[in-house]
Amino acid sequence: MKNYLKNMMNDNGFMAMAFAVVLVALMSVVAIARLGVIDTQLLIWAGLPVLLKVVLVLILLEFVLLW
């Protein structure tokens, strides 16, 4: 499993996939905000820390698996 993940990390496709996931998350946030279900400002301030945590976890995972 670890070798599989390591190969996936070495491939640029993984970073593209991670970027796509983040992009889709942002787009869904914007879509929900447009509907006016949740206040946009509130959504941004609640969503940004979560997004940053996801990015940090991806980066940490990459470093851990590449060692």
N, C-alpha and C. Protein backbone atom coordinates (compact mmCIF):
# COMPACT_ATOMS: atom_id res chain seq x y z
N MET A 1 0.84 -1.21 0.00
CA MET A 1 0.00 0.00 0.00
C MET A 1 0.88 1.25 0.00
N LYS A 2 1.93 1.25 0.83
CA LYS A 2 2.79 2.43 0.94
C LYS A 2 3.50 2.71 -0.39
N ASN A 3 3.97 1.64 -1.06
CA ASN A 3 4.63 1.82 -2.35
C ASN A 3 3.67 2.38 -3.39
N TYR A 4 2.43 1.89 -3.35
CA TYR A 4 1.40 2.38 -4.26
C TYR A 4 1.18 3.87 -4.06
N LEU A 5 1.07 4.28 -2.78
CA LEU A 5 0.88 5.70 -2.46
C LEU A 5 2.08 6.53 -2.87
N LYS A 6 3.28 5.96 -2.66
CA LYS A 6 4.51 6.66 -3.01
C LYS A 6 4.57 6.92 -4.52
N ASN A 7 4.20 5.89 -5.29
CA ASN A 7 4.17 6.04 -6.74
C ASN A 7 3.14 7.08 -7.17
N MET A 8 2.01 7.07 -6.47
CA MET A 8 0.95 8.03 -6.77
C MET A 8 1.43 9.45 -6.49
N MET A 9 2.20 9.61 -5.39
CA MET A 9 2.72 10.92 -5.02
C MET A 9 3.75 11.42 -6.03
N ASN A 10 4.60 10.50 -6.49
CA ASN A 10 5.64 10.87 -7.44
C ASN A 10 5.04 11.32 -8.76
N ASP A 11 3.90 10.75 -9.09
CA ASP A 11 3.21 11.13 -10.33
C ASP A 11 2.57 12.50 -10.15
N ASN A 12 2.74 13.35 -11.15
CA ASN A 12 2.14 14.68 -11.09
C ASN A 12 0.61 14.62 -11.13
N GLY A 13 0.09 13.49 -11.55
CA GLY A 13 -1.35 13.31 -11.61
C GLY A 13 -2.00 13.46 -10.25
N PHE A 14 -1.27 13.07 -9.20
CA PHE A 14 -1.84 13.19 -7.85
C PHE A 14 -2.05 14.65 -7.48
N MET A 15 -1.05 15.49 -7.78
CA MET A 15 -1.16 16.91 -7.45
C MET A 15 -2.30 17.54 -8.26
N ALA A 16 -2.43 17.10 -9.50
CA ALA A 16 -3.52 17.59 -10.35
C ALA A 16 -4.87 17.20 -9.74
N MET A 17 -4.94 15.97 -9.24
CA MET A 17 -6.16 15.47 -8.61
C MET A 17 -6.48 16.26 -7.35
N ALA A 18 -5.45 16.50 -6.54
CA ALA A 18 -5.64 17.26 -5.30
C ALA A 18 -6.12 18.67 -5.61
N PHE A 19 -5.52 19.28 -6.65
CA PHE A 19 -5.91 20.62 -7.06
C PHE A 19 -7.36 20.63 -7.54
N ALA A 20 -7.73 19.59 -8.29
CA ALA A 20 -9.10 19.48 -8.80
C ALA A 20 -10.10 19.36 -7.64
N VAL A 21 -9.74 18.58 -6.62
CA VAL A 21 -10.61 18.41 -5.45
C VAL A 21 -10.83 19.74 -4.75
N VAL A 22 -9.73 20.50 -4.57
CA VAL A 22 -9.82 21.82 -3.93
C VAL A 22 -10.68 22.76 -4.77
N LEU A 23 -10.48 22.70 -6.09
CA LEU A 23 -11.23 23.56 -7.01
C LEU A 23 -12.72 23.25 -6.94
N VAL A 24 -13.05 21.97 -6.95
CA VAL A 24 -14.46 21.54 -6.86
C VAL A 24 -15.08 21.99 -5.54
N ALA A 25 -14.30 21.88 -4.45
CA ALA A 25 -14.79 22.32 -3.14
C ALA A 25 -15.10 23.81 -3.15
N LEU A 26 -14.19 24.59 -3.73
CA LEU A 26 -14.39 26.04 -3.82
C LEU A 26 -15.63 26.37 -4.66
N MET A 27 -15.77 25.66 -5.79
CA MET A 27 -16.91 25.90 -6.68
C MET A 27 -18.23 25.57 -6.00
N SER A 28 -18.25 24.48 -5.24
CA SER A 28 -19.48 24.11 -4.53
C SER A 28 -19.82 25.13 -3.45
N VAL A 29 -18.77 25.66 -2.79
CA VAL A 29 -18.97 26.71 -1.78
C VAL A 29 -19.60 27.93 -2.43
N VAL A 30 -19.07 28.33 -3.59
CA VAL A 30 -19.60 29.49 -4.31
C VAL A 30 -21.04 29.23 -4.75
N ALA A 31 -21.31 28.02 -5.24
CA ALA A 31 -22.65 27.67 -5.69
C ALA A 31 -23.66 27.76 -4.55
N ILE A 32 -23.28 27.24 -3.38
CA ILE A 32 -24.16 27.28 -2.21
C ILE A 32 -24.39 28.73 -1.78
N ALA A 33 -23.31 29.52 -1.80
CA ALA A 33 -23.41 30.93 -1.41
C ALA A 33 -24.33 31.70 -2.37
N ARG A 34 -24.24 31.37 -3.66
CA ARG A 34 -25.07 32.04 -4.67
C ARG A 34 -26.56 31.78 -4.41
N LEU A 35 -26.86 30.57 -3.95
CA LEU A 35 -28.25 30.22 -3.66
C LEU A 35 -28.78 31.00 -2.46
N GLY A 36 -27.86 31.58 -1.70
CA GLY A 36 -28.27 32.39 -0.56
C GLY A 36 -28.68 31.55 0.64
N VAL A 37 -28.29 30.28 0.63
CA VAL A 37 -28.63 29.40 1.74
C VAL A 37 -27.86 29.84 2.98
N ILE A 38 -26.59 30.17 2.77
CA ILE A 38 -25.73 30.59 3.88
C ILE A 38 -25.10 31.93 3.49
N ASP A 39 -24.89 32.79 4.48
CA ASP A 39 -24.24 34.07 4.24
C ASP A 39 -22.84 33.83 3.68
N THR A 40 -22.51 34.54 2.60
CA THR A 40 -21.24 34.32 1.90
C THR A 40 -20.03 34.54 2.81
N GLN A 41 -20.05 35.63 3.57
CA GLN A 41 -18.92 35.96 4.44
C GLN A 41 -18.69 34.86 5.47
N LEU A 42 -19.79 34.41 6.06
CA LEU A 42 -19.72 33.36 7.07
C LEU A 42 -19.14 32.09 6.47
N LEU A 43 -19.60 31.76 5.27
CA LEU A 43 -19.16 30.55 4.58
C LEU A 43 -17.67 30.61 4.28
N ILE A 44 -17.21 31.78 3.84
CA ILE A 44 -15.79 31.95 3.51
C ILE A 44 -14.93 31.79 4.77
N TRP A 45 -15.33 32.46 5.85
CA TRP A 45 -14.54 32.39 7.09
C TRP A 45 -14.58 31.01 7.72
N ALA A 46 -15.68 30.28 7.53
CA ALA A 46 -15.79 28.92 8.06
C ALA A 46 -15.05 27.93 7.16
N GLY A 47 -15.08 28.19 5.86
CA GLY A 47 -14.51 27.26 4.87
C GLY A 47 -13.02 27.35 4.69
N LEU A 48 -12.45 28.56 4.84
CA LEU A 48 -11.02 28.74 4.60
C LEU A 48 -10.13 27.90 5.52
N PRO A 49 -10.36 27.90 6.85
CA PRO A 49 -9.51 27.07 7.71
C PRO A 49 -9.57 25.59 7.35
N VAL A 50 -10.76 25.11 6.98
CA VAL A 50 -10.93 23.71 6.60
C VAL A 50 -10.12 23.42 5.34
N LEU A 51 -10.20 24.34 4.37
CA LEU A 51 -9.47 24.19 3.12
C LEU A 51 -7.97 24.17 3.37
N LEU A 52 -7.51 25.08 4.24
CA LEU A 52 -6.08 25.15 4.57
C LEU A 52 -5.61 23.86 5.26
N LYS A 53 -6.46 23.32 6.14
CA LYS A 53 -6.12 22.06 6.81
C LYS A 53 -5.98 20.93 5.81
N VAL A 54 -6.90 20.87 4.86
CA VAL A 54 -6.85 19.82 3.82
C VAL A 54 -5.55 19.92 3.03
N VAL A 55 -5.19 21.15 2.63
CA VAL A 55 -3.96 21.37 1.87
C VAL A 55 -2.74 20.99 2.70
N LEU A 56 -2.73 21.38 3.97
CA LEU A 56 -1.61 21.04 4.87
C LEU A 56 -1.47 19.53 5.03
N VAL A 57 -2.60 18.85 5.19
CA VAL A 57 -2.58 17.39 5.34
C VAL A 57 -2.02 16.74 4.08
N LEU A 58 -2.43 17.23 2.91
CA LEU A 58 -1.91 16.69 1.65
C LEU A 58 -0.40 16.87 1.55
N ILE A 59 0.08 18.06 1.92
CA ILE A 59 1.51 18.36 1.86
C ILE A 59 2.28 17.48 2.85
N LEU A 60 1.77 17.37 4.08
CA LEU A 60 2.41 16.53 5.10
C LEU A 60 2.45 15.07 4.67
N LEU A 61 1.33 14.60 4.11
CA LEU A 61 1.23 13.22 3.63
C LEU A 61 2.29 12.96 2.57
N GLU A 62 2.47 13.93 1.68
CA GLU A 62 3.45 13.81 0.61
C GLU A 62 4.85 13.67 1.19
N PHE A 63 5.21 14.53 2.15
CA PHE A 63 6.54 14.48 2.75
C PHE A 63 6.76 13.17 3.50
N VAL A 64 5.75 12.73 4.25
CA VAL A 64 5.86 11.50 5.03
C VAL A 64 6.09 10.30 4.11
N LEU A 65 5.34 10.24 3.02
CA LEU A 65 5.44 9.08 2.13
C LEU A 65 6.68 9.11 1.24
N LEU A 66 7.23 10.30 1.00
CA LEU A 66 8.41 10.39 0.13
C LEU A 66 9.70 10.06 0.88
N TRP A 67 9.66 10.05 2.22
CA TRP A 67 10.88 9.73 2.97
C TRP A 67 11.22 8.27 2.84
